[in-house]
C-alpha atoms as a PDB file:
ATOM      1  CA  UNK A   1      -5.533  -4.531  -6.610  1.00  0.00           C
ATOM      2  CA  UNK A   2      -5.164  -8.378  -7.169  1.00  0.00           C
ATOM      3  CA  UNK A   3      -5.836 -10.062  -3.514  1.00  0.00           C
ATOM      4  CA  UNK A   4      -7.020 -13.610  -2.264  1.00  0.00           C
ATOM      5  CA  UNK A   5      -9.304 -14.710  -0.168  1.00  0.00           C
ATOM      6  CA  UNK A   6      -9.818 -16.751   2.567  1.00  0.00           C
ATOM      7  CA  UNK A   7     -12.467 -19.184   2.762  1.00  0.00           C
ATOM      8  CA  UNK A   8     -13.198 -17.388   6.122  1.00  0.00           C
ATOM      9  CA  UNK A   9     -14.264 -13.966   3.169  1.00  0.00           C
ATOM     10  CA  UNK A  10     -16.444 -16.468   1.426  1.00  0.00           C
ATOM     11  CA  UNK A  11     -17.929 -18.585   3.689  1.00  0.00           C
ATOM     12  CA  UNK A  12     -18.744 -14.007   5.079  1.00  0.00           C
ATOM     13  CA  UNK A  13     -19.948 -12.857   1.796  1.00  0.00           C
ATOM     14  CA  UNK A  14     -21.949 -16.574   1.068  1.00  0.00           C
ATOM     15  CA  UNK A  15     -23.683 -15.764   5.224  1.00  0.00           C
ATOM     16  CA  UNK A  16     -23.947 -12.449   5.465  1.00  0.00           C
ATOM     17  CA  UNK A  17     -24.139 -10.290   2.289  1.00  0.00           C
ATOM     18  CA  UNK A  18     -20.504  -8.709   3.569  1.00  0.00           C
ATOM     19  CA  UNK A  19     -17.616  -8.350   2.089  1.00  0.00           C
ATOM     20  CA  UNK A  20     -18.755  -7.594  -1.480  1.00  0.00           C
ATOM     21  CA  UNK A  21     -16.236  -4.813  -2.410  1.00  0.00           C
ATOM     22  CA  UNK A  22     -13.692  -7.785  -2.308  1.00  0.00           C
ATOM     23  CA  UNK A  23     -15.009  -8.631  -5.041  1.00  0.00           C
ATOM     24  CA  UNK A  24     -15.724  -5.728  -7.986  1.00  0.00           C
ATOM     25  CA  UNK A  25     -11.473  -6.165  -9.539  1.00  0.00           C
ATOM     26  CA  UNK A  26     -10.101  -9.946  -9.702  1.00  0.00           C
ATOM     27  CA  UNK A  27     -10.345 -11.973  -6.792  1.00  0.00           C
ATOM     28  CA  UNK A  28      -7.945 -14.839  -6.559  1.00  0.00           C
ATOM     29  CA  UNK A  29      -8.053 -18.323  -4.762  1.00  0.00           C
ATOM     30  CA  UNK A  30      -6.623 -21.224  -3.068  1.00  0.00           C
ATOM     31  CA  UNK A  31      -8.629 -24.041  -4.213  1.00  0.00           C
ATOM     32  CA  UNK A  32      -8.096 -25.606  -0.765  1.00  0.00           C
ATOM     33  CA  UNK A  33     -10.780 -22.388   1.017  1.00  0.00           C
ATOM     34  CA  UNK A  34     -13.458 -24.201  -1.841  1.00  0.00           C
ATOM     35  CA  UNK A  35     -13.327 -27.282   0.006  1.00  0.00           C
ATOM     36  CA  UNK A  36     -13.187 -25.272   3.266  1.00  0.00           C
ATOM     37  CA  UNK A  37     -16.338 -23.196   1.755  1.00  0.00           C
ATOM     38  CA  UNK A  38     -17.826 -25.789   0.667  1.00  0.00           C
ATOM     39  CA  UNK A  39     -18.139 -28.535   3.701  1.00  0.00           C
ATOM     40  CA  UNK A  40     -19.664 -25.958   6.040  1.00  0.00           C
ATOM     41  CA  UNK A  41     -22.098 -25.298   3.758  1.00  0.00           C
ATOM     42  CA  UNK A  42     -22.953 -29.875   3.133  1.00  0.00           C
ATOM     43  CA  UNK A  43     -23.210 -29.386   6.694  1.00  0.00           C
ATOM     44  CA  UNK A  44     -26.732 -26.823   5.578  1.00  0.00           C
ATOM     45  CA  UNK A  45     -28.142 -26.898   2.403  1.00  0.00           C
ATOM     46  CA  UNK A  46     -28.664 -29.312   0.137  1.00  0.00           C
ATOM     47  CA  UNK A  47     -26.771 -31.036  -2.226  1.00  0.00           C
ATOM     48  CA  UNK A  48     -28.531 -29.248  -5.252  1.00  0.00           C
ATOM     49  CA  UNK A  49     -28.192 -25.974  -2.962  1.00  0.00           C
ATOM     50  CA  UNK A  50     -24.593 -26.199  -3.004  1.00  0.00           C
ATOM     51  CA  UNK A  51     -23.937 -26.867  -6.398  1.00  0.00           C
ATOM     52  CA  UNK A  52     -25.447 -24.598  -7.594  1.00  0.00           C
ATOM     53  CA  UNK A  53     -23.850 -21.709  -4.658  1.00  0.00           C
ATOM     54  CA  UNK A  54     -20.439 -22.751  -5.538  1.00  0.00           C
ATOM     55  CA  UNK A  55     -20.338 -23.250  -9.054  1.00  0.00           C
ATOM     56  CA  UNK A  56     -21.297 -19.021  -7.894  1.00  0.00           C
ATOM     57  CA  UNK A  57     -18.876 -18.876  -5.786  1.00  0.00           C
ATOM     58  CA  UNK A  58     -16.554 -19.949  -8.869  1.00  0.00           C
ATOM     59  CA  UNK A  59     -18.210 -17.535 -11.770  1.00  0.00           C
ATOM     60  CA  UNK A  60     -16.280 -14.484  -9.290  1.00  0.00           C
ATOM     61  CA  UNK A  61     -12.352 -15.463  -8.605  1.00  0.00           C
ATOM     62  CA  UNK A  62      -9.880 -17.641 -10.343  1.00  0.00           C
ATOM     63  CA  UNK A  63      -9.198 -20.292  -8.367  1.00  0.00           C
ATOM     64  CA  UNK A  64      -5.578 -21.425  -7.636  1.00  0.00           C
ATOM     65  CA  UNK A  65      -4.636 -25.287  -7.174  1.00  0.00           C
ATOM     66  CA  UNK A  66      -2.658 -26.965  -4.254  1.00  0.00           C
ATOM     67  CA  UNK A  67       0.617 -26.960  -5.827  1.00  0.00           C
ATOM     68  CA  UNK A  68       4.938 -28.067  -4.966  1.00  0.00           C
ATOM     69  CA  UNK A  69       6.027 -24.352  -4.213  1.00  0.00           C
ATOM     70  CA  UNK A  70       2.415 -23.962  -2.502  1.00  0.00           C
ATOM     71  CA  UNK A  71       2.972 -26.863  -0.318  1.00  0.00           C
ATOM     72  CA  UNK A  72       7.102 -25.920   0.715  1.00  0.00           C
ATOM     73  CA  UNK A  73       6.155 -22.214   1.439  1.00  0.00           C
ATOM     74  CA  UNK A  74       3.353 -23.737   2.814  1.00  0.00           C
ATOM     75  CA  UNK A  75       5.226 -25.271   5.422  1.00  0.00           C
ATOM     76  CA  UNK A  76       7.680 -22.958   5.944  1.00  0.00           C
ATOM     77  CA  UNK A  77       5.202 -20.351   6.862  1.00  0.00           C
ATOM     78  CA  UNK A  78       3.381 -23.124   9.479  1.00  0.00           C
ATOM     79  CA  UNK A  79       6.507 -23.624  11.367  1.00  0.00           C
ATOM     80  CA  UNK A  80       7.558 -20.244  11.104  1.00  0.00           C
ATOM     81  CA  UNK A  81       4.443 -18.851  12.598  1.00  0.00           C
ATOM     82  CA  UNK A  82       2.616 -21.051  13.381  1.00  0.00           C
ATOM     83  CA  UNK A  83      -0.200 -22.002  11.516  1.00  0.00           C
ATOM     84  CA  UNK A  84      -2.467 -24.519  11.436  1.00  0.00           C
ATOM     85  CA  UNK A  85      -1.952 -26.813   7.215  1.00  0.00           C
ATOM     86  CA  UNK A  86      -5.412 -25.097   6.401  1.00  0.00           C
ATOM     87  CA  UNK A  87      -4.800 -21.281   7.543  1.00  0.00           C
ATOM     88  CA  UNK A  88      -0.813 -21.671   6.307  1.00  0.00           C
ATOM     89  CA  UNK A  89      -1.541 -23.108   2.795  1.00  0.00           C
ATOM     90  CA  UNK A  90      -4.392 -19.775   2.315  1.00  0.00           C
ATOM     91  CA  UNK A  91      -1.222 -17.619   2.850  1.00  0.00           C
ATOM     92  CA  UNK A  92       1.674 -19.857   0.975  1.00  0.00           C
ATOM     93  CA  UNK A  93      -0.575 -19.707  -2.118  1.00  0.00           C
ATOM     94  CA  UNK A  94      -1.371 -16.062  -1.177  1.00  0.00           C
ATOM     95  CA  UNK A  95       2.351 -14.626  -1.794  1.00  0.00           C
ATOM     96  CA  UNK A  96       3.444 -17.177  -4.293  1.00  0.00           C
ATOM     97  CA  UNK A  97       1.434 -14.588  -6.300  1.00  0.00           C
ATOM     98  CA  UNK A  98       2.305 -11.496  -4.565  1.00  0.00           C
ATOM     99  CA  UNK A  99      -1.105 -10.733  -2.965  1.00  0.00           C
ATOM    100  CA  UNK A 100      -2.467  -9.842   0.204  1.00  0.00           C
ATOM    101  CA  UNK A 101      -4.164 -12.404   1.615  1.00  0.00           C
ATOM    102  CA  UNK A 102      -7.952 -11.579   3.292  1.00  0.00           C
ATOM    103  CA  UNK A 103      -9.012 -12.966   5.676  1.00  0.00           C
ATOM    104  CA  UNK A 104     -11.584 -12.658   9.267  1.00  0.00           C
ATOM    105  CA  UNK A 105      -9.423 -15.835  11.159  1.00  0.00           C
ATOM    106  CA  UNK A 106      -7.390 -13.358  13.895  1.00  0.00           C
ATOM    107  CA  UNK A 107      -4.587 -16.377  13.272  1.00  0.00           C
ATOM    108  CA  UNK A 108      -3.359 -14.087  11.103  1.00  0.00           C
ATOM    109  CA  UNK A 109      -2.230 -10.726  13.360  1.00  0.00           C
ATOM    110  CA  UNK A 110       0.934  -9.429  12.574  1.00  0.00           C
ATOM    111  CA  UNK A 111       1.803 -11.817  10.333  1.00  0.00           C
ATOM    112  CA  UNK A 112       3.231  -9.721   6.785  1.00  0.00           C
ATOM    113  CA  UNK A 113       1.434  -9.790   3.568  1.00  0.00           C
ATOM    114  CA  UNK A 114      -2.188 -10.602   5.450  1.00  0.00           C
ATOM    115  CA  UNK A 115      -4.835  -8.262   5.554  1.00  0.00           C
ATOM    116  CA  UNK A 116      -8.125  -9.274   8.823  1.00  0.00           C
ATOM    117  CA  UNK A 117     -12.175  -7.738   8.252  1.00  0.00           C
ATOM    118  CA  UNK A 118     -14.645  -7.340   9.550  1.00  0.00           C
END
């Protein structure tokens, strides 16, 4: 099963070691998820630790850049589901690739194509 991971899942994996099972098969994420993760890590760790952590994450999954198709879909999803910009981009990334978005964010409750994990 191909899946797209939200930054909340990546951070939970890094901080708690949770959701390891989501990395067993090919996983994708938006480059925006890497931005969000790196921003959080930079507030807590030294730059070298952040670089090695980000290198590890990048080796574990494939990333999808935000292109015009994803941007346009994200705008529509943002309005339809009242999502913040970053959340809409994460969902649009997953939907543009016909993938399920895995997240810990309750803002995705009752949105088709998103699965909330604890």
